[in-house]
C-alpha atoms as a PDB file:
ATOM      1  CA  MET A   1       6.109  13.896 -14.035  1.00  0.00           C
ATOM      2  CA  ILE A   2       4.979  14.767 -10.524  1.00  0.00           C
ATOM      3  CA  SER A   3       6.001  17.809  -8.547  1.00  0.00           C
ATOM      4  CA  ILE A   4       7.384  17.756  -5.048  1.00  0.00           C
ATOM      5  CA  GLU A   5       4.318  19.725  -3.907  1.00  0.00           C
ATOM      6  CA  GLU A   6       2.023  17.011  -5.286  1.00  0.00           C
ATOM      7  CA  VAL A   7       4.103  14.295  -3.617  1.00  0.00           C
ATOM      8  CA  LEU A   8       3.942  16.098  -0.280  1.00  0.00           C
ATOM      9  CA  ALA A   9       0.162  16.381  -0.623  1.00  0.00           C
ATOM     10  CA  ILE A  10      -0.127  12.667  -1.467  1.00  0.00           C
ATOM     11  CA  HIS A  11       2.066  11.782   1.503  1.00  0.00           C
ATOM     12  CA  GLN A  12      -0.042  13.930   3.818  1.00  0.00           C
ATOM     13  CA  VAL A  13      -3.288  12.288   2.648  1.00  0.00           C
ATOM     14  CA  LEU A  14      -1.787   8.819   3.161  1.00  0.00           C
ATOM     15  CA  ILE A  15      -0.589   9.665   6.666  1.00  0.00           C
ATOM     16  CA  GLN A  16      -3.953  11.177   7.599  1.00  0.00           C
ATOM     17  CA  LYS A  17      -5.843   8.169   6.248  1.00  0.00           C
ATOM     18  CA  TYR A  18      -3.594   5.336   7.470  1.00  0.00           C
ATOM     19  CA  GLY A  19      -1.665   6.890  10.358  1.00  0.00           C
ATOM     20  CA  GLY A  20       1.936   7.732  11.040  1.00  0.00           C
ATOM     21  CA  SER A  21       4.071  10.817  11.382  1.00  0.00           C
ATOM     22  CA  GLU A  22       4.022  13.577   8.787  1.00  0.00           C
ATOM     23  CA  GLY A  23       7.134  15.238   7.473  1.00  0.00           C
ATOM     24  CA  VAL A  24      10.131  14.954   5.225  1.00  0.00           C
ATOM     25  CA  ARG A  25      13.256  13.492   6.793  1.00  0.00           C
ATOM     26  CA  ASP A  26      15.564  14.370   3.892  1.00  0.00           C
ATOM     27  CA  GLU A  27      14.380  16.658   1.089  1.00  0.00           C
ATOM     28  CA  GLY A  28      17.461  15.891  -1.012  1.00  0.00           C
ATOM     29  CA  LEU A  29      16.623  12.184  -1.025  1.00  0.00           C
ATOM     30  CA  LEU A  30      13.046  12.988  -1.989  1.00  0.00           C
ATOM     31  CA  VAL A  31      14.104  15.186  -4.906  1.00  0.00           C
ATOM     32  CA  ALA A  32      16.609  12.556  -6.051  1.00  0.00           C
ATOM     33  CA  ALA A  33      13.931   9.832  -5.888  1.00  0.00           C
ATOM     34  CA  LEU A  34      11.548  11.902  -8.004  1.00  0.00           C
ATOM     35  CA  GLU A  35      14.242  12.683 -10.575  1.00  0.00           C
ATOM     36  CA  ARG A  36      15.760   9.198 -10.790  1.00  0.00           C
ATOM     37  CA  PRO A  37      13.206   7.639 -13.201  1.00  0.00           C
ATOM     38  CA  PHE A  38      13.815  10.448 -15.693  1.00  0.00           C
ATOM     39  CA  SER A  39      17.585  10.682 -15.359  1.00  0.00           C
ATOM     40  CA  GLY A  40      20.060  10.096 -18.138  1.00  0.00           C
ATOM     41  CA  PHE A  41      23.131  11.336 -19.900  1.00  0.00           C
ATOM     42  CA  GLY A  42      22.624  13.531 -22.926  1.00  0.00           C
ATOM     43  CA  SER A  43      19.812  12.007 -24.953  1.00  0.00           C
ATOM     44  CA  VAL A  44      20.208   8.558 -23.357  1.00  0.00           C
ATOM     45  CA  GLU A  45      17.690   7.708 -20.643  1.00  0.00           C
ATOM     46  CA  PHE A  46      18.938   5.449 -17.846  1.00  0.00           C
ATOM     47  CA  TYR A  47      15.395   4.062 -17.420  1.00  0.00           C
ATOM     48  CA  PRO A  48      13.708   4.145 -20.841  1.00  0.00           C
ATOM     49  CA  LYS A  49      11.020   1.522 -20.141  1.00  0.00           C
ATOM     50  CA  VAL A  50       7.974   2.230 -18.014  1.00  0.00           C
ATOM     51  CA  GLU A  51       8.663  -0.708 -15.687  1.00  0.00           C
ATOM     52  CA  GLU A  52      12.194   0.635 -15.163  1.00  0.00           C
ATOM     53  CA  LYS A  53      10.886   4.104 -14.295  1.00  0.00           C
ATOM     54  CA  ALA A  54       8.333   2.615 -11.889  1.00  0.00           C
ATOM     55  CA  ALA A  55      10.934   0.340 -10.290  1.00  0.00           C
ATOM     56  CA  ALA A  56      13.325   3.272  -9.875  1.00  0.00           C
ATOM     57  CA  ILE A  57      10.857   5.481  -8.040  1.00  0.00           C
ATOM     58  CA  LEU A  58       9.594   2.687  -5.786  1.00  0.00           C
ATOM     59  CA  GLU A  59      13.093   1.550  -4.880  1.00  0.00           C
ATOM     60  CA  SER A  60      14.284   5.101  -4.233  1.00  0.00           C
ATOM     61  CA  ILE A  61      11.392   6.041  -1.947  1.00  0.00           C
ATOM     62  CA  VAL A  62      11.153   2.735  -0.071  1.00  0.00           C
ATOM     63  CA  LYS A  63      14.863   2.127   0.470  1.00  0.00           C
ATOM     64  CA  ASN A  64      16.100   5.700   0.994  1.00  0.00           C
ATOM     65  CA  HIS A  65      13.346   6.781   3.420  1.00  0.00           C
ATOM     66  CA  PRO A  66      12.994  10.466   2.507  1.00  0.00           C
ATOM     67  CA  PHE A  67       9.887  10.737   4.733  1.00  0.00           C
ATOM     68  CA  VAL A  68       9.695  10.431   8.500  1.00  0.00           C
ATOM     69  CA  ASP A  69       7.017   7.751   8.055  1.00  0.00           C
ATOM     70  CA  GLY A  70       4.912   6.269   5.257  1.00  0.00           C
ATOM     71  CA  ASN A  71       7.721   5.609   2.776  1.00  0.00           C
ATOM     72  CA  LYS A  72       6.357   2.251   1.623  1.00  0.00           C
ATOM     73  CA  ARG A  73       2.839   3.593   1.104  1.00  0.00           C
ATOM     74  CA  THR A  74       4.025   6.726  -0.651  1.00  0.00           C
ATOM     75  CA  GLY A  75       6.501   4.841  -2.828  1.00  0.00           C
ATOM     76  CA  TYR A  76       3.804   2.392  -3.867  1.00  0.00           C
ATOM     77  CA  VAL A  77       1.345   5.162  -4.760  1.00  0.00           C
ATOM     78  CA  LEU A  78       3.991   7.070  -6.750  1.00  0.00           C
ATOM     79  CA  MET A  79       4.905   3.879  -8.605  1.00  0.00           C
ATOM     80  CA  ARG A  80       1.250   3.297  -9.529  1.00  0.00           C
ATOM     81  CA  LEU A  81       0.785   6.914 -10.609  1.00  0.00           C
ATOM     82  CA  LEU A  82       3.832   6.667 -12.847  1.00  0.00           C
ATOM     83  CA  LEU A  83       2.528   3.437 -14.398  1.00  0.00           C
ATOM     84  CA  MET A  84      -0.889   5.019 -14.977  1.00  0.00           C
ATOM     85  CA  HIS A  85       0.728   8.065 -16.562  1.00  0.00           C
ATOM     86  CA  TYR A  86       2.052   5.691 -19.223  1.00  0.00           C
ATOM     87  CA  GLY A  87      -1.272   3.857 -19.626  1.00  0.00           C
ATOM     88  CA  GLN A  88      -0.262   0.872 -17.513  1.00  0.00           C
ATOM     89  CA  ASP A  89      -1.261  -0.600 -14.172  1.00  0.00           C
ATOM     90  CA  ILE A  90      -0.585  -3.800 -12.263  1.00  0.00           C
ATOM     91  CA  ARG A  91      -2.841  -6.780 -11.813  1.00  0.00           C
ATOM     92  CA  ALA A  92      -2.224  -8.429  -8.447  1.00  0.00           C
ATOM     93  CA  SER A  93      -4.137  -9.197  -5.279  1.00  0.00           C
ATOM     94  CA  GLN A  94      -3.897  -6.927  -2.255  1.00  0.00           C
ATOM     95  CA  ASP A  95      -1.797  -9.592  -0.508  1.00  0.00           C
ATOM     96  CA  GLU A  96       0.582  -9.822  -3.477  1.00  0.00           C
ATOM     97  CA  LYS A  97       0.971  -6.040  -3.565  1.00  0.00           C
ATOM     98  CA  TYR A  98       1.612  -5.897   0.190  1.00  0.00           C
ATOM     99  CA  ASP A  99       4.151  -8.737   0.049  1.00  0.00           C
ATOM    100  CA  PHE A 100       5.858  -7.061  -2.917  1.00  0.00           C
ATOM    101  CA  VAL A 101       6.387  -3.775  -1.090  1.00  0.00           C
ATOM    102  CA  ILE A 102       7.555  -5.560   2.074  1.00  0.00           C
ATOM    103  CA  GLN A 103      10.075  -7.544   0.016  1.00  0.00           C
ATOM    104  CA  VAL A 104      11.399  -4.292  -1.444  1.00  0.00           C
ATOM    105  CA  ALA A 105      11.650  -2.686   2.006  1.00  0.00           C
ATOM    106  CA  SER A 106      13.392  -5.706   3.532  1.00  0.00           C
ATOM    107  CA  GLY A 107      15.950  -5.885   0.719  1.00  0.00           C
ATOM    108  CA  LEU A 108      14.673  -9.168  -0.750  1.00  0.00           C
ATOM    109  CA  LEU A 109      13.941  -7.453  -4.086  1.00  0.00           C
ATOM    110  CA  ASP A 110      16.498  -5.194  -5.742  1.00  0.00           C
ATOM    111  CA  PHE A 111      15.906  -3.002  -8.794  1.00  0.00           C
ATOM    112  CA  ASP A 112      15.959  -5.937 -11.223  1.00  0.00           C
ATOM    113  CA  GLY A 113      13.613  -7.945  -9.003  1.00  0.00           C
ATOM    114  CA  ILE A 114      11.195  -5.022  -8.734  1.00  0.00           C
ATOM    115  CA  LYS A 115      11.307  -4.512 -12.494  1.00  0.00           C
ATOM    116  CA  SER A 116      10.675  -8.206 -13.133  1.00  0.00           C
ATOM    117  CA  TRP A 117       7.738  -8.314 -10.688  1.00  0.00           C
ATOM    118  CA  LEU A 118       6.179  -5.267 -12.306  1.00  0.00           C
ATOM    119  CA  LYS A 119       6.704  -6.476 -15.863  1.00  0.00           C
ATOM    120  CA  SER A 120       5.031  -9.811 -15.111  1.00  0.00           C
ATOM    121  CA  ARG A 121       1.949  -8.044 -13.710  1.00  0.00           C
ATOM    122  CA  MET A 122       1.622  -4.957 -15.920  1.00  0.00           C
ATOM    123  CA  VAL A 123      -1.594  -4.498 -17.882  1.00  0.00           C
ATOM    124  CA  SER A 124      -2.690  -1.762 -20.243  1.00  0.00           C
ATOM    125  CA  GLN A 125      -5.422   0.507 -18.941  1.00  0.00           C
END
């Protein structure tokens, strides 16, 4: 869906706009995070639903920290881009979105919790 070059450009823009340190801490983790939503075995997708794909990329970026800084911001933006790619978005206040990402980062929401939060707030574009 999105190339590593595009992700690096998005990350750089976010760091420049909101502050923090640029750079990739672990390129392997970044590649794995980008591939996870589209992974599967044969013709069976592990994450066939859009909310599963979005949850997978957010969880992978936020919890695995492939970047030196800005993992939460970048993970959130990638999640939203993936949702929008499939004609979806989320309806929530800025405070709800912030609290959501912090809960993911602090381990209070696992994959199923992320998926449930997204599904309850997804709207068609």
